[in-house]
Amino acid sequence: MTSAGDAAGAEAAGAPVPPPVAAIASGYAFTGPALDLGALLWDGRCRPDVPVRVPLSVLNRHGLVAGATGTGKTKTLQLIAEQLSAHGVPVFLADVKGDLSGISRPAPGGEQVRARAGQVGQLWTAAGFPAEFLALGGLGHGVPVRATVTSFGPVLLAKVLRLNQTQEQSLGLIFHYADTKGLELIDLKDLRAVVAFLTSDQGRAELRDIGGLSTATAGVILRSLTAFEAQGMADFFGEPEFDTADLLRTAPDGRGVVSVLELPAVQEKPLLFSTFLMWLLADLFHDLPEIGDAGKPKLVFFFDEAHLLFDDASKAFLDSITQTVRLIRSKGVGVFFVTQTPKDVPSDVLAQLGSRVQHALRAFTPEDEKALKATVRTFPKSPYDLAELLTGLGTGEAVVTVLSENGAPTPVAATRLRAPESLMGPVDPAELDAAVRASALHGRYAQAVDRESAYEKLQEAPAPAHEEEPSLVEQVVNSGMFKSLARSVGTQLGREITRSLFGTARRRR
């Protein structure tokens, strides 16, 4: 730990410490455990005597890592994730570019790394960290991550399908009906079967008392599902469903497991993977108990390419994100949004982000200039000319402000960041495959299962035998569907599923 007095002692030839430097040094002199981000940049030189840090206890207060492409955001994620793991905190990383798997292997070092470590006063040691590799729907090298349609819920699914507000409300009605009637929506064919039934002559009356489902809206939903499946997206829905509790594990040596979700295979489907990331976060919110403020978080969740989550989002969706971020910190989960500029994040969400690591911004166009000015306004007052500073930062440098241990913002500090100790790039694919096969999660999630659910049950319903036809639901009940469901999967029939802010649900816990 370095105090303002220590900084003064480090001045060459007894030169006085500039008051802003002393104030910054004092602002980052924490008493409890903290992550080391780097060293202060002041007046054109790096000052290893003034470390820039973030208290471990405030990392459930969320954060933002921003900056233009190529400025070092990914390495910053890696640097923070390594230290969280070392402190016993599990980490979730969305690996959009496919270069974060290297966190599991020690870095080879080299002249550049040694030079950076010397500049910032870092005692650099090559190290790998315990990692789990995941892939959406099994598209990639990792353990498959799937969700059932039921647990994914209507709000998130409506965003993936690009439905408008009216269509989203109708989809919510369909889920409500399926929930109350014990029709499990495991995969997309289950949802298709329920939609088709509710618009049939036999099923139309089932929703009449609660608004009904128009044929036109049902047609839009079905066409959207067809287009979605045609893009190869059906594999993301099904069983076995990923249990987000598996993101909260620690290794036998006490270090936090870093769960790396590989996304290059779906990076051309940004709406899909960004919404799936929100499902993971919403599921954690739904299931974790309240713990209040603790000495360290239970999980830190890095939400890369965060702007994709907010693009074209409905007001209801944005409100749900805002409330989730506001409330999930009391459950011990910190969320870091990673994007290019703060304006990519809605102001209501941005206001809740306690830690800021802002890499360089470009100002080549009028739009760039506008974004730069907006970014400067989001920082506390400081002795820096932030507009000039933000356009002049080098790769691996950033402007930092975090929350102190008492919850107050620290002084703005231009910072040269430390070098990650793990491999800054992907591991060999064969090595990655071997790690996945050796994972304890592989046996649980690798093989998809298609058990009996809504589609099969509706197919079982017998044809009506007389002119006064009962509804298909009555036929299904009479056919023993409820008993079969209860016997095969223990479904709680006749009781509506409890859903969270995003309409996500859990049945197995």
Protein backbone atom coordinates (compact mmCIF):
# COMPACT_ATOMS: atom_id res chain seq x y z
CA MET A 1 0.00 0.00 0.00
CA THR A 2 1.32 3.45 -0.91
CA SER A 3 0.30 6.63 0.87
CA ALA A 4 0.73 10.25 -0.11
CA GLY A 5 3.76 10.36 2.22
CA ASP A 6 5.31 7.38 0.42
CA ALA A 7 4.80 9.19 -2.87
CA ALA A 8 6.55 12.24 -1.49
CA GLY A 9 9.50 10.13 -0.42
CA ALA A 10 9.88 8.76 -3.92
CA GLU A 11 10.36 12.19 -5.50
CA ALA A 12 13.78 12.56 -7.04
CA ALA A 13 16.18 14.94 -5.25
CA GLY A 14 13.54 15.74 -2.65
CA ALA A 15 11.30 17.56 -5.11
CA PRO A 16 7.85 18.22 -3.65
CA VAL A 17 4.99 15.98 -4.68
CA PRO A 18 2.46 17.88 -6.78
CA PRO A 19 -0.73 18.29 -4.71
CA PRO A 20 -2.88 16.44 -7.29
CA VAL A 21 -0.50 13.46 -7.13
CA ALA A 22 -0.65 13.42 -3.34
CA ALA A 23 -4.46 13.59 -3.46
CA ILE A 24 -4.65 10.70 -5.92
CA ALA A 25 -2.20 8.60 -3.89
CA SER A 26 -4.27 9.20 -0.77
CA GLY A 27 -7.49 8.34 -2.62
CA TYR A 28 -6.23 4.87 -3.57
CA ALA A 29 -4.59 4.00 -0.23
CA PHE A 30 -7.07 1.33 0.87
CA THR A 31 -6.73 -0.68 4.08
CA GLY A 32 -8.45 -3.91 2.97
CA PRO A 33 -7.81 -6.38 0.12
CA ALA A 34 -7.72 -4.73 -3.29
CA LEU A 35 -6.96 -5.52 -6.91
CA ASP A 36 -3.95 -3.75 -8.42
CA LEU A 37 -4.83 -2.12 -11.74
CA GLY A 38 -1.61 -0.25 -12.46
CA ALA A 39 0.38 2.88 -11.70
CA LEU A 40 -0.45 6.57 -12.00
CA LEU A 41 0.45 8.53 -15.13
CA TRP A 42 1.22 12.14 -14.35
CA ASP A 43 2.97 14.86 -16.30
CA GLY A 44 4.15 12.48 -18.99
CA ARG A 45 5.64 9.76 -16.81
CA CYS A 46 4.54 6.64 -15.01
CA ARG A 47 4.73 6.69 -11.21
CA PRO A 48 5.07 3.16 -9.75
CA ASP A 49 5.06 4.78 -6.28
CA VAL A 50 1.36 5.64 -6.76
CA PRO A 51 -0.55 2.41 -7.41
CA VAL A 52 -4.12 2.58 -8.71
CA ARG A 53 -6.30 -0.08 -7.09
CA VAL A 54 -9.90 -1.14 -6.55
CA PRO A 55 -11.15 -2.56 -3.22
CA LEU A 56 -12.32 -6.16 -3.41
CA SER A 57 -15.31 -5.33 -1.22
CA VAL A 58 -16.85 -2.89 -3.74
CA LEU A 59 -16.71 -5.11 -6.82
CA ASN A 60 -20.36 -6.09 -6.32
CA ARG A 61 -21.10 -2.41 -7.07
CA HIS A 62 -20.57 -3.11 -10.78
CA GLY A 63 -18.34 -1.41 -13.30
CA LEU A 64 -17.62 -0.32 -16.85
CA VAL A 65 -14.64 -1.09 -19.07
CA ALA A 66 -14.83 1.06 -22.19
CA GLY A 67 -12.65 2.19 -25.06
CA ALA A 68 -12.13 2.08 -28.80
CA THR A 69 -11.19 -1.13 -30.58
CA GLY A 70 -7.57 -2.11 -30.01
CA THR A 71 -7.01 -0.04 -26.87
CA GLY A 72 -6.63 -3.01 -24.50
CA LYS A 73 -10.10 -3.68 -23.04
CA THR A 74 -9.73 -7.46 -23.33
CA LYS A 75 -6.39 -7.44 -21.50
CA THR A 76 -7.98 -5.32 -18.77
CA LEU A 77 -10.69 -7.97 -18.33
CA GLN A 78 -8.01 -10.63 -18.11
CA LEU A 79 -6.01 -8.64 -15.56
CA ILE A 80 -9.04 -8.12 -13.31
CA ALA A 81 -10.25 -11.71 -13.74
CA GLU A 82 -6.86 -13.14 -12.75
CA GLN A 83 -6.76 -11.21 -9.50
CA LEU A 84 -10.37 -12.00 -8.65
CA SER A 85 -9.62 -15.70 -9.12
CA ALA A 86 -6.53 -15.39 -6.93
CA HIS A 87 -8.74 -13.89 -4.20
CA GLY A 88 -11.13 -16.84 -4.41
CA VAL A 89 -13.84 -15.06 -6.43
CA PRO A 90 -15.43 -16.97 -9.36
CA VAL A 91 -15.53 -15.04 -12.64
CA PHE A 92 -17.66 -15.27 -15.79
CA LEU A 93 -16.13 -14.02 -19.05
CA ALA A 94 -17.95 -13.71 -22.37
CA ASP A 95 -15.23 -14.46 -24.93
CA VAL A 96 -16.50 -12.76 -28.08
CA LYS A 97 -13.23 -12.80 -30.01
CA GLY A 98 -12.03 -16.22 -28.83
CA ASP A 99 -8.80 -15.07 -27.18
CA LEU A 100 -9.57 -15.40 -23.46
CA SER A 101 -8.98 -19.15 -23.14
CA GLY A 102 -5.33 -18.28 -22.49
CA ILE A 103 -6.25 -17.31 -18.93
CA SER A 104 -5.84 -21.00 -18.09
CA ARG A 105 -2.15 -21.07 -19.11
CA PRO A 106 0.90 -19.15 -17.87
CA ALA A 107 2.14 -16.40 -20.16
CA PRO A 108 5.54 -16.94 -21.80
CA GLY A 109 6.73 -13.51 -20.67
CA GLY A 110 9.03 -11.58 -22.96
CA GLU A 111 10.71 -8.20 -23.21
CA GLN A 112 7.48 -6.20 -23.55
CA VAL A 113 5.92 -7.81 -20.50
CA ARG A 114 9.06 -7.28 -18.43
CA ALA A 115 9.23 -3.66 -19.54
CA ARG A 116 5.58 -3.01 -18.63
CA ALA A 117 6.03 -4.71 -15.24
CA GLY A 118 9.05 -2.56 -14.50
CA GLN A 119 7.22 0.64 -15.43
CA VAL A 120 4.31 0.00 -13.06
CA GLY A 121 6.25 -1.62 -10.21
CA GLN A 122 4.72 -5.06 -10.78
CA LEU A 123 6.37 -8.22 -9.47
CA TRP A 124 5.30 -10.21 -12.53
CA THR A 125 5.10 -14.01 -12.32
CA ALA A 126 3.71 -16.21 -15.07
CA ALA A 127 0.54 -18.02 -13.89
CA GLY A 128 -2.46 -19.88 -15.24
CA PHE A 129 -5.83 -19.89 -13.49
CA PRO A 130 -8.53 -22.58 -13.04
CA ALA A 131 -10.90 -22.27 -15.98
CA GLU A 132 -14.06 -23.87 -17.32
CA PHE A 133 -14.84 -23.56 -21.03
CA LEU A 134 -18.44 -23.22 -22.19
CA ALA A 135 -20.14 -22.79 -25.58
CA LEU A 136 -23.71 -21.75 -26.41
CA GLY A 137 -25.62 -24.76 -27.64
CA GLY A 138 -22.38 -26.66 -28.04
CA LEU A 139 -21.31 -24.49 -31.01
CA GLY A 140 -17.62 -24.36 -30.24
CA HIS A 141 -15.13 -26.24 -28.12
CA GLY A 142 -16.76 -25.72 -24.74
CA VAL A 143 -19.29 -27.58 -22.61
CA PRO A 144 -22.75 -26.89 -24.12
CA VAL A 145 -24.87 -24.21 -22.45
CA ARG A 146 -28.60 -24.68 -23.10
CA ALA A 147 -31.77 -23.23 -21.65
CA THR A 148 -35.29 -24.57 -21.75
CA VAL A 149 -37.82 -22.29 -23.42
CA THR A 150 -39.81 -22.27 -20.17
CA SER A 151 -36.94 -20.93 -18.08
CA PHE A 152 -35.75 -18.51 -20.78
CA GLY A 153 -39.13 -16.84 -20.57
CA PRO A 154 -41.22 -14.63 -22.87
CA VAL A 155 -39.40 -11.30 -22.39
CA LEU A 156 -35.97 -12.52 -23.43
CA LEU A 157 -37.37 -14.74 -26.17
CA ALA A 158 -39.36 -11.84 -27.60
CA LYS A 159 -36.13 -9.85 -27.90
CA VAL A 160 -34.34 -12.71 -29.67
CA LEU A 161 -37.28 -13.10 -32.08
CA ARG A 162 -37.47 -9.31 -32.63
CA LEU A 163 -41.13 -9.14 -31.67
CA ASN A 164 -42.89 -5.82 -31.12
CA GLN A 165 -44.65 -4.90 -27.88
CA THR A 166 -48.03 -6.36 -28.87
CA GLN A 167 -46.43 -9.60 -30.03
CA GLU A 168 -44.34 -9.77 -26.85
CA GLN A 169 -47.51 -9.44 -24.75
CA SER A 170 -49.14 -12.25 -26.72
CA LEU A 171 -46.08 -14.42 -26.22
CA GLY A 172 -46.36 -13.73 -22.50
CA LEU A 173 -49.96 -14.92 -22.62
CA ILE A 174 -48.85 -18.16 -24.30
CA PHE A 175 -46.26 -18.77 -21.57
CA HIS A 176 -48.86 -18.00 -18.90
CA TYR A 177 -51.18 -20.58 -20.37
CA ALA A 178 -48.46 -23.22 -20.65
CA ASP A 179 -47.32 -22.53 -17.07
CA THR A 180 -50.78 -22.91 -15.55
CA LYS A 181 -51.60 -26.05 -17.53
CA GLY A 182 -48.34 -27.85 -16.82
CA LEU A 183 -47.25 -27.86 -20.48
CA GLU A 184 -43.47 -27.83 -20.28
CA LEU A 185 -41.78 -25.83 -23.01
CA ILE A 186 -38.43 -27.57 -23.29
CA ASP A 187 -37.47 -26.70 -26.85
CA LEU A 188 -38.85 -24.65 -29.73
CA LYS A 189 -41.10 -27.39 -31.09
CA ASP A 190 -42.94 -27.39 -27.75
CA LEU A 191 -43.63 -23.68 -28.09
CA ARG A 192 -44.70 -24.10 -31.70
CA ALA A 193 -47.13 -26.85 -30.71
CA VAL A 194 -48.76 -24.72 -28.00
CA VAL A 195 -49.10 -21.71 -30.33
CA ALA A 196 -50.66 -23.89 -33.01
CA PHE A 197 -53.10 -25.38 -30.52
CA LEU A 198 -54.18 -22.01 -29.12
CA THR A 199 -55.08 -20.78 -32.61
CA SER A 200 -56.91 -23.96 -33.58
CA ASP A 201 -60.69 -24.32 -33.46
CA GLN A 202 -60.36 -26.44 -30.35
CA GLY A 203 -57.84 -24.31 -28.49
CA ARG A 204 -58.98 -20.77 -29.29
CA ALA A 205 -61.52 -20.70 -26.46
CA GLU A 206 -58.82 -21.43 -23.88
CA LEU A 207 -57.54 -17.83 -23.91
CA ARG A 208 -60.82 -16.08 -24.61
CA ASP A 209 -61.34 -14.94 -21.02
CA ILE A 210 -57.84 -13.44 -20.71
CA GLY A 211 -57.48 -11.62 -24.01
CA GLY A 212 -57.14 -14.28 -26.65
CA LEU A 213 -54.46 -14.78 -29.28
CA SER A 214 -55.09 -13.40 -32.75
CA THR A 215 -54.32 -15.54 -35.74
CA ALA A 216 -52.21 -12.76 -37.22
CA THR A 217 -50.03 -12.40 -34.13
CA ALA A 218 -49.69 -16.16 -33.79
CA GLY A 219 -48.61 -16.25 -37.43
CA VAL A 220 -45.88 -13.68 -36.80
CA ILE A 221 -44.60 -15.65 -33.80
CA LEU A 222 -44.58 -18.92 -35.75
CA ARG A 223 -42.79 -17.33 -38.71
CA SER A 224 -40.23 -15.79 -36.38
CA LEU A 225 -39.63 -19.18 -34.80
CA THR A 226 -39.21 -20.75 -38.24
CA ALA A 227 -36.67 -18.12 -39.29
CA PHE A 228 -34.85 -18.50 -36.00
CA GLU A 229 -34.58 -22.26 -36.41
CA ALA A 230 -33.49 -21.88 -40.06
CA GLN A 231 -30.45 -19.95 -38.79
CA GLY A 232 -29.42 -22.98 -36.75
CA MET A 233 -30.49 -21.50 -33.44
CA ALA A 234 -32.68 -24.35 -32.21
CA ASP A 235 -29.74 -26.08 -30.46
CA PHE A 236 -29.59 -23.35 -27.83
CA PHE A 237 -32.92 -24.46 -26.37
CA GLY A 238 -33.31 -27.84 -24.75
CA GLU A 239 -31.95 -30.08 -22.04
CA PRO A 240 -29.93 -30.70 -20.02
CA GLU A 241 -30.31 -27.08 -19.02
CA PHE A 242 -27.26 -25.28 -17.69
CA ASP A 243 -27.33 -24.69 -13.95
CA THR A 244 -25.94 -21.22 -13.26
CA ALA A 245 -24.83 -22.41 -9.82
CA ASP A 246 -21.94 -24.00 -11.73
CA LEU A 247 -20.59 -20.49 -12.29
CA LEU A 248 -20.03 -20.08 -8.54
CA ARG A 249 -17.36 -22.71 -7.99
CA THR A 250 -13.89 -22.50 -6.55
CA ALA A 251 -10.95 -24.77 -7.31
CA PRO A 252 -9.49 -27.15 -4.70
CA ASP A 253 -6.71 -24.64 -4.02
CA GLY A 254 -9.31 -21.97 -3.14
CA ARG A 255 -8.99 -19.88 -6.28
CA GLY A 256 -12.14 -18.86 -8.09
CA VAL A 257 -13.00 -20.76 -11.27
CA VAL A 258 -13.03 -18.57 -14.38
CA SER A 259 -15.92 -19.65 -16.64
CA VAL A 260 -15.12 -18.66 -20.23
CA LEU A 261 -18.13 -18.68 -22.57
CA GLU A 262 -16.79 -19.11 -26.10
CA LEU A 263 -18.75 -16.97 -28.56
CA PRO A 264 -16.82 -16.78 -31.88
CA ALA A 265 -19.11 -19.40 -33.47
CA VAL A 266 -22.12 -17.15 -32.82
CA GLN A 267 -20.54 -13.71 -33.03
CA GLU A 268 -22.60 -13.04 -36.16
CA LYS A 269 -25.71 -13.54 -33.99
CA PRO A 270 -25.10 -10.78 -31.45
CA LEU A 271 -28.73 -10.44 -30.46
CA LEU A 272 -28.81 -14.10 -29.52
CA PHE A 273 -25.67 -14.27 -27.42
CA SER A 274 -26.24 -10.93 -25.67
CA THR A 275 -29.74 -12.05 -24.67
CA PHE A 276 -28.42 -15.43 -23.50
CA LEU A 277 -25.92 -13.60 -21.30
CA MET A 278 -28.84 -11.70 -19.80
CA TRP A 279 -30.61 -15.01 -19.17
CA LEU A 280 -27.61 -16.25 -17.20
CA LEU A 281 -27.60 -13.07 -15.13
CA ALA A 282 -31.38 -13.09 -14.65
CA ASP A 283 -31.24 -16.73 -13.56
CA LEU A 284 -28.61 -15.92 -10.95
CA PHE A 285 -30.76 -13.04 -9.74
CA HIS A 286 -33.78 -15.35 -9.53
CA ASP A 287 -32.04 -18.02 -7.46
CA LEU A 288 -29.36 -16.46 -5.25
CA PRO A 289 -30.17 -15.43 -1.67
CA GLU A 290 -29.68 -11.91 -0.34
CA ILE A 291 -26.33 -11.46 1.41
CA GLY A 292 -25.95 -7.67 1.49
CA ASP A 293 -22.47 -6.17 1.30
CA ALA A 294 -19.73 -8.72 1.94
CA GLY A 295 -15.95 -8.72 2.06
CA LYS A 296 -15.82 -9.99 -1.50
CA PRO A 297 -18.36 -10.81 -4.22
CA LYS A 298 -19.71 -14.31 -4.88
CA LEU A 299 -19.24 -13.80 -8.63
CA VAL A 300 -18.11 -11.09 -11.03
CA PHE A 301 -19.82 -11.23 -14.41
CA PHE A 302 -18.19 -9.53 -17.43
CA PHE A 303 -20.75 -8.58 -20.07
CA ASP A 304 -18.75 -8.03 -23.27
CA GLU A 305 -20.17 -6.16 -26.29
CA ALA A 306 -22.73 -4.73 -23.88
CA HIS A 307 -24.19 -2.30 -26.41
CA LEU A 308 -25.79 -5.27 -28.20
CA LEU A 309 -27.97 -5.90 -25.16
CA PHE A 310 -29.43 -2.41 -25.24
CA ASP A 311 -29.84 -1.97 -29.00
CA ASP A 312 -33.52 -1.86 -30.03
CA ALA A 313 -34.59 -2.92 -26.54
CA SER A 314 -38.12 -2.16 -25.40
CA LYS A 315 -38.73 0.10 -22.40
CA ALA A 316 -39.91 -2.91 -20.39
CA PHE A 317 -36.70 -4.76 -21.24
CA LEU A 318 -34.52 -1.81 -20.26
CA ASP A 319 -36.45 -1.35 -17.04
CA SER A 320 -35.84 -5.01 -16.19
CA ILE A 321 -32.11 -4.68 -16.85
CA THR A 322 -31.94 -1.58 -14.67
CA GLN A 323 -33.74 -3.25 -11.80
CA THR A 324 -31.70 -6.45 -12.08
CA VAL A 325 -28.43 -4.52 -11.95
CA ARG A 326 -29.70 -2.45 -9.04
CA LEU A 327 -30.77 -5.45 -6.97
CA ILE A 328 -28.30 -8.20 -7.85
CA ARG A 329 -25.43 -6.51 -6.02
CA SER A 330 -27.15 -7.39 -2.72
CA LYS A 331 -26.87 -11.03 -3.80
CA GLY A 332 -23.11 -10.69 -4.11
CA VAL A 333 -22.85 -10.48 -7.91
CA GLY A 334 -20.88 -7.73 -9.60
CA VAL A 335 -21.50 -6.93 -13.26
CA PHE A 336 -18.97 -5.23 -15.53
CA PHE A 337 -20.27 -3.94 -18.84
CA VAL A 338 -17.66 -3.88 -21.59
CA THR A 339 -18.25 -1.64 -24.59
CA GLN A 340 -16.76 1.22 -26.62
CA THR A 341 -18.24 4.32 -25.00
CA PRO A 342 -20.33 5.00 -21.88
CA LYS A 343 -23.15 6.26 -24.10
CA ASP A 344 -23.69 2.64 -25.19
CA VAL A 345 -25.12 2.01 -21.71
CA PRO A 346 -28.43 3.65 -20.66
CA SER A 347 -27.98 6.42 -18.10
CA ASP A 348 -30.06 4.61 -15.47
CA VAL A 349 -27.69 1.63 -15.69
CA LEU A 350 -24.55 3.75 -16.01
CA ALA A 351 -25.44 5.56 -12.79
CA GLN A 352 -25.14 2.26 -10.88
CA LEU A 353 -21.62 1.40 -12.08
CA GLY A 354 -19.14 2.14 -9.32
CA SER A 355 -15.86 1.32 -11.08
CA ARG A 356 -14.76 2.88 -14.38
CA VAL A 357 -11.82 1.89 -16.56
CA GLN A 358 -11.94 4.08 -19.67
CA HIS A 359 -9.43 3.30 -22.40
CA ALA A 360 -8.66 5.65 -25.28
CA LEU A 361 -11.36 7.10 -27.50
CA ARG A 362 -11.00 8.25 -31.08
CA ALA A 363 -12.20 11.64 -32.31
CA PHE A 364 -12.04 11.38 -36.10
CA THR A 365 -15.64 12.33 -36.90
CA PRO A 366 -18.28 14.72 -35.52
CA GLU A 367 -20.01 11.70 -33.99
CA ASP A 368 -16.73 10.70 -32.30
CA GLU A 369 -16.37 14.23 -30.92
CA LYS A 370 -19.88 14.08 -29.54
CA ALA A 371 -19.19 10.73 -27.86
CA LEU A 372 -15.95 12.09 -26.40
CA LYS A 373 -17.67 15.09 -24.86
CA ALA A 374 -20.42 12.87 -23.44
CA THR A 375 -17.79 10.57 -21.90
CA VAL A 376 -15.93 13.45 -20.27
CA ARG A 377 -19.15 14.63 -18.63
CA THR A 378 -19.60 11.23 -16.94
CA PHE A 379 -16.39 11.60 -14.90
CA PRO A 380 -15.97 13.49 -11.61
CA LYS A 381 -14.07 16.76 -11.75
CA SER A 382 -10.32 16.27 -11.99
CA PRO A 383 -7.10 18.19 -12.65
CA TYR A 384 -6.77 16.46 -16.03
CA ASP A 385 -7.88 17.82 -19.38
CA LEU A 386 -9.90 14.66 -19.96
CA ALA A 387 -10.80 15.39 -23.57
CA GLU A 388 -7.13 15.63 -24.46
CA LEU A 389 -6.11 12.77 -22.19
CA LEU A 390 -8.68 10.29 -23.51
CA THR A 391 -7.58 10.78 -27.11
CA GLY A 392 -3.89 10.50 -26.23
CA LEU A 393 -3.84 7.33 -24.11
CA GLY A 394 -1.71 4.48 -25.41
CA THR A 395 -2.65 0.80 -25.60
CA GLY A 396 -2.94 -0.58 -22.08
CA GLU A 397 -3.53 2.82 -20.53
CA ALA A 398 -6.83 4.05 -19.11
CA VAL A 399 -8.55 6.69 -17.01
CA VAL A 400 -9.76 5.09 -13.78
CA THR A 401 -12.13 5.99 -10.98
CA VAL A 402 -13.60 3.45 -8.54
CA LEU A 403 -15.48 3.42 -5.27
CA SER A 404 -13.42 3.63 -2.12
CA GLU A 405 -14.07 1.30 0.81
CA ASN A 406 -16.57 3.80 2.24
CA GLY A 407 -18.45 4.06 -1.06
CA ALA A 408 -17.14 7.47 -2.19
CA PRO A 409 -15.66 7.89 -5.70
CA THR A 410 -11.86 7.94 -5.85
CA PRO A 411 -9.98 10.70 -7.69
CA VAL A 412 -9.74 10.32 -11.46
CA ALA A 413 -6.39 8.69 -12.25
CA ALA A 414 -4.69 8.26 -15.61
CA THR A 415 -3.23 4.77 -15.29
CA ARG A 416 -0.73 2.53 -17.02
CA LEU A 417 -2.20 -0.92 -16.46
CA ARG A 418 -0.35 -3.97 -15.25
CA ALA A 419 0.43 -6.90 -17.53
CA PRO A 420 -1.69 -10.07 -17.22
CA GLU A 421 0.22 -13.09 -15.92
CA SER A 422 -1.62 -15.62 -18.07
CA LEU A 423 -1.39 -16.20 -21.81
CA MET A 424 -2.71 -13.21 -23.74
CA GLY A 425 -4.30 -15.20 -26.55
CA PRO A 426 -6.12 -18.49 -27.23
CA VAL A 427 -4.81 -21.89 -26.24
CA ASP A 428 -4.35 -24.58 -28.89
CA PRO A 429 -7.75 -26.05 -29.98
CA ALA A 430 -6.61 -29.62 -29.27
CA GLU A 431 -5.54 -28.59 -25.77
CA LEU A 432 -8.86 -26.82 -25.30
CA ASP A 433 -10.82 -29.91 -26.39
CA ALA A 434 -8.84 -32.05 -23.95
CA ALA A 435 -9.61 -29.63 -21.10
CA VAL A 436 -13.32 -29.72 -21.94
CA ARG A 437 -13.44 -33.54 -22.02
CA ALA A 438 -11.71 -33.65 -18.64
CA SER A 439 -14.21 -31.23 -17.11
CA ALA A 440 -16.61 -32.45 -14.45
CA LEU A 441 -19.37 -30.59 -16.32
CA HIS A 442 -18.84 -32.45 -19.58
CA GLY A 443 -20.66 -35.59 -18.49
CA ARG A 444 -23.63 -33.56 -17.25
CA TYR A 445 -24.18 -31.30 -20.24
CA ALA A 446 -22.47 -32.72 -23.34
CA GLN A 447 -25.28 -34.97 -24.58
CA ALA A 448 -28.59 -33.32 -25.50
CA VAL A 449 -31.76 -34.96 -24.16
CA ASP A 450 -35.20 -34.75 -25.78
CA ARG A 451 -37.66 -36.03 -23.23
CA GLU A 452 -41.44 -35.97 -23.26
CA SER A 453 -42.81 -32.42 -23.03
CA ALA A 454 -45.58 -30.21 -24.45
CA TYR A 455 -45.12 -31.26 -28.09
CA GLU A 456 -45.36 -34.96 -27.35
CA LYS A 457 -48.24 -34.53 -24.91
CA LEU A 458 -50.32 -32.52 -27.34
CA GLN A 459 -49.64 -35.14 -29.99
CA GLU A 460 -51.00 -37.80 -27.63
CA ALA A 461 -54.38 -36.11 -27.20
CA PRO A 462 -57.15 -38.34 -28.67
CA ALA A 463 -59.46 -37.13 -31.42
CA PRO A 464 -62.99 -36.09 -30.26
CA ALA A 465 -65.50 -38.94 -30.42
CA HIS A 466 -68.82 -37.02 -30.42
CA GLU A 467 -70.36 -33.84 -31.81
CA GLU A 468 -70.14 -31.79 -28.62
CA GLU A 469 -66.40 -31.63 -28.65
CA PRO A 470 -64.49 -31.03 -25.44
CA SER A 471 -61.52 -28.70 -25.65
CA LEU A 472 -58.17 -30.23 -26.41
CA VAL A 473 -57.02 -29.42 -22.90
CA GLU A 474 -59.96 -31.47 -21.53
CA GLN A 475 -58.97 -34.27 -23.89
CA VAL A 476 -55.39 -34.06 -22.73
CA VAL A 477 -56.43 -34.24 -19.08
CA ASN A 478 -58.70 -37.17 -19.83
CA SER A 479 -55.89 -38.91 -21.66
CA GLY A 480 -53.81 -39.02 -18.53
CA MET A 481 -51.41 -36.29 -19.61
CA PHE A 482 -51.14 -34.71 -16.16
CA LYS A 483 -50.42 -38.04 -14.47
CA SER A 484 -47.83 -38.86 -17.10
CA LEU A 485 -46.10 -35.50 -16.72
CA ALA A 486 -46.08 -35.78 -12.94
CA ARG A 487 -44.76 -39.33 -13.15
CA SER A 488 -42.02 -38.61 -15.71
CA VAL A 489 -40.62 -35.26 -14.60
CA GLY A 490 -42.26 -34.30 -11.33
CA THR A 491 -43.81 -31.19 -12.85
CA GLN A 492 -45.92 -29.15 -10.44
CA LEU A 493 -49.13 -29.11 -12.43
CA GLY A 494 -51.93 -26.65 -11.92
CA ARG A 495 -49.63 -24.17 -10.19
CA GLU A 496 -48.26 -21.23 -12.10
CA ILE A 497 -44.48 -21.01 -12.37
CA THR A 498 -42.94 -18.15 -10.42
CA ARG A 499 -41.17 -15.83 -12.82
CA SER A 500 -38.65 -13.09 -12.15
CA LEU A 501 -38.25 -9.62 -13.65
CA PHE A 502 -37.39 -11.01 -17.07
CA GLY A 503 -40.02 -13.72 -16.94
CA THR A 504 -37.30 -16.31 -16.39
CA ALA A 505 -38.29 -19.36 -14.37
CA ARG A 506 -36.85 -22.32 -12.58
CA ARG A 507 -38.55 -25.63 -11.85
CA ARG A 508 -35.75 -27.89 -10.73
CA ARG A 509 -34.78 -26.07 -7.52
